[in-house]
Amino acid sequence: MNALKIVGVALIIGGGLGLAYGGFSYTKETTQAQLGPLELTVQDRETVNIPIWAGVASIVAGAALLLVPRNT
């Protein structure tokens, strides 16, 4: 399997996951204050939304990489 086919499969899988879940979230930890040995931290939950068009475009690009013949 060459590199273009691997990238194509990864794009299709990523696009499918983007369409299925619609986004992902992560926790960002920041230090608010440090008073001597005490340290106050805040954990913010951030959400990243993945647009539908990005998931569809990823699937189309991955399919194009798999279906278009390459002259090597």
C-alpha atoms as a PDB file:
ATOM      1  CA  MET A   1       0.000   0.000   0.000  1.00  0.00           C
ATOM      2  CA  ASN A   2       1.518   3.305  -1.009  1.00  0.00           C
ATOM      3  CA  ALA A   3       1.397   6.584   0.904  1.00  0.00           C
ATOM      4  CA  LEU A   4      -1.440   8.128  -1.151  1.00  0.00           C
ATOM      5  CA  LYS A   5      -3.746   5.206  -0.402  1.00  0.00           C
ATOM      6  CA  ILE A   6      -2.957   5.435   3.308  1.00  0.00           C
ATOM      7  CA  VAL A   7      -3.702   9.175   3.284  1.00  0.00           C
ATOM      8  CA  GLY A   8      -6.917   8.523   1.347  1.00  0.00           C
ATOM      9  CA  VAL A   9      -8.139   5.965   3.879  1.00  0.00           C
ATOM     10  CA  ALA A  10      -7.203   8.287   6.764  1.00  0.00           C
ATOM     11  CA  LEU A  11      -9.162  11.151   5.174  1.00  0.00           C
ATOM     12  CA  ILE A  12     -12.231   8.955   4.713  1.00  0.00           C
ATOM     13  CA  ILE A  13     -12.077   7.723   8.309  1.00  0.00           C
ATOM     14  CA  GLY A  14     -11.498  11.235   9.661  1.00  0.00           C
ATOM     15  CA  GLY A  15     -14.361  12.653   7.603  1.00  0.00           C
ATOM     16  CA  GLY A  16     -16.692   9.900   8.770  1.00  0.00           C
ATOM     17  CA  LEU A  17     -15.785  10.529  12.402  1.00  0.00           C
ATOM     18  CA  GLY A  18     -16.270  14.267  11.892  1.00  0.00           C
ATOM     19  CA  LEU A  19     -19.748  13.676  10.508  1.00  0.00           C
ATOM     20  CA  ALA A  20     -20.669  11.156  13.207  1.00  0.00           C
ATOM     21  CA  TYR A  21     -19.521  13.162  16.237  1.00  0.00           C
ATOM     22  CA  GLY A  22     -19.726  16.727  14.936  1.00  0.00           C
ATOM     23  CA  GLY A  23     -16.785  17.891  17.034  1.00  0.00           C
ATOM     24  CA  PHE A  24     -14.650  17.168  20.058  1.00  0.00           C
ATOM     25  CA  SER A  25     -13.892  18.737  23.403  1.00  0.00           C
ATOM     26  CA  TYR A  26     -10.789  19.008  25.541  1.00  0.00           C
ATOM     27  CA  THR A  27      -9.811  20.411  28.933  1.00  0.00           C
ATOM     28  CA  LYS A  28      -7.401  23.323  29.125  1.00  0.00           C
ATOM     29  CA  GLU A  29      -5.727  23.955  32.472  1.00  0.00           C
ATOM     30  CA  THR A  30      -4.418  27.427  33.302  1.00  0.00           C
ATOM     31  CA  THR A  31      -2.713  28.804  36.392  1.00  0.00           C
ATOM     32  CA  GLN A  32      -4.684  31.736  37.803  1.00  0.00           C
ATOM     33  CA  ALA A  33      -2.652  32.620  40.888  1.00  0.00           C
ATOM     34  CA  GLN A  34       0.386  31.422  42.760  1.00  0.00           C
ATOM     35  CA  LEU A  35       0.641  32.512  46.398  1.00  0.00           C
ATOM     36  CA  GLY A  36       3.723  30.970  47.947  1.00  0.00           C
ATOM     37  CA  PRO A  37       3.281  27.200  48.021  1.00  0.00           C
ATOM     38  CA  LEU A  38      -0.389  27.453  46.958  1.00  0.00           C
ATOM     39  CA  GLU A  39      -1.256  27.375  43.296  1.00  0.00           C
ATOM     40  CA  LEU A  40      -4.756  28.048  41.997  1.00  0.00           C
ATOM     41  CA  THR A  41      -5.602  26.485  38.651  1.00  0.00           C
ATOM     42  CA  VAL A  42      -8.699  26.670  36.498  1.00  0.00           C
ATOM     43  CA  GLN A  43      -9.815  23.934  34.147  1.00  0.00           C
ATOM     44  CA  ASP A  44     -11.745  25.203  31.143  1.00  0.00           C
ATOM     45  CA  ARG A  45     -13.589  22.775  28.896  1.00  0.00           C
ATOM     46  CA  GLU A  46     -13.211  23.856  25.280  1.00  0.00           C
ATOM     47  CA  THR A  47     -15.351  22.506  22.429  1.00  0.00           C
ATOM     48  CA  VAL A  48     -14.317  22.441  18.778  1.00  0.00           C
ATOM     49  CA  ASN A  49     -17.156  21.992  16.276  1.00  0.00           C
ATOM     50  CA  ILE A  50     -16.375  20.370  12.938  1.00  0.00           C
ATOM     51  CA  PRO A  51     -18.548  21.722  10.125  1.00  0.00           C
ATOM     52  CA  ILE A  52     -20.493  19.244   8.012  1.00  0.00           C
ATOM     53  CA  TRP A  53     -18.892  20.551   4.819  1.00  0.00           C
ATOM     54  CA  ALA A  54     -15.418  19.757   6.210  1.00  0.00           C
ATOM     55  CA  GLY A  55     -16.374  16.131   6.883  1.00  0.00           C
ATOM     56  CA  VAL A  56     -17.913  15.712   3.442  1.00  0.00           C
ATOM     57  CA  ALA A  57     -14.925  17.382   1.762  1.00  0.00           C
ATOM     58  CA  SER A  58     -12.563  15.053   3.615  1.00  0.00           C
ATOM     59  CA  ILE A  59     -14.487  11.986   2.458  1.00  0.00           C
ATOM     60  CA  VAL A  60     -14.559  13.231  -1.152  1.00  0.00           C
ATOM     61  CA  ALA A  61     -10.828  14.014  -1.125  1.00  0.00           C
ATOM     62  CA  GLY A  62     -10.025  10.596   0.357  1.00  0.00           C
ATOM     63  CA  ALA A  63     -12.177   8.834  -2.231  1.00  0.00           C
ATOM     64  CA  ALA A  64     -10.485  10.821  -5.000  1.00  0.00           C
ATOM     65  CA  LEU A  65      -7.065   9.706  -3.754  1.00  0.00           C
ATOM     66  CA  LEU A  66      -8.188   6.087  -3.781  1.00  0.00           C
ATOM     67  CA  LEU A  67     -10.052   6.097  -7.101  1.00  0.00           C
ATOM     68  CA  VAL A  68      -7.928   8.303  -9.363  1.00  0.00           C
ATOM     69  CA  PRO A  69      -5.210   6.245 -11.041  1.00  0.00           C
ATOM     70  CA  ARG A  70      -1.625   7.457 -10.596  1.00  0.00           C
ATOM     71  CA  ASN A  71       1.113   6.996 -13.161  1.00  0.00           C
ATOM     72  CA  THR A  72       4.261   5.935 -11.304  1.00  0.00           C
END
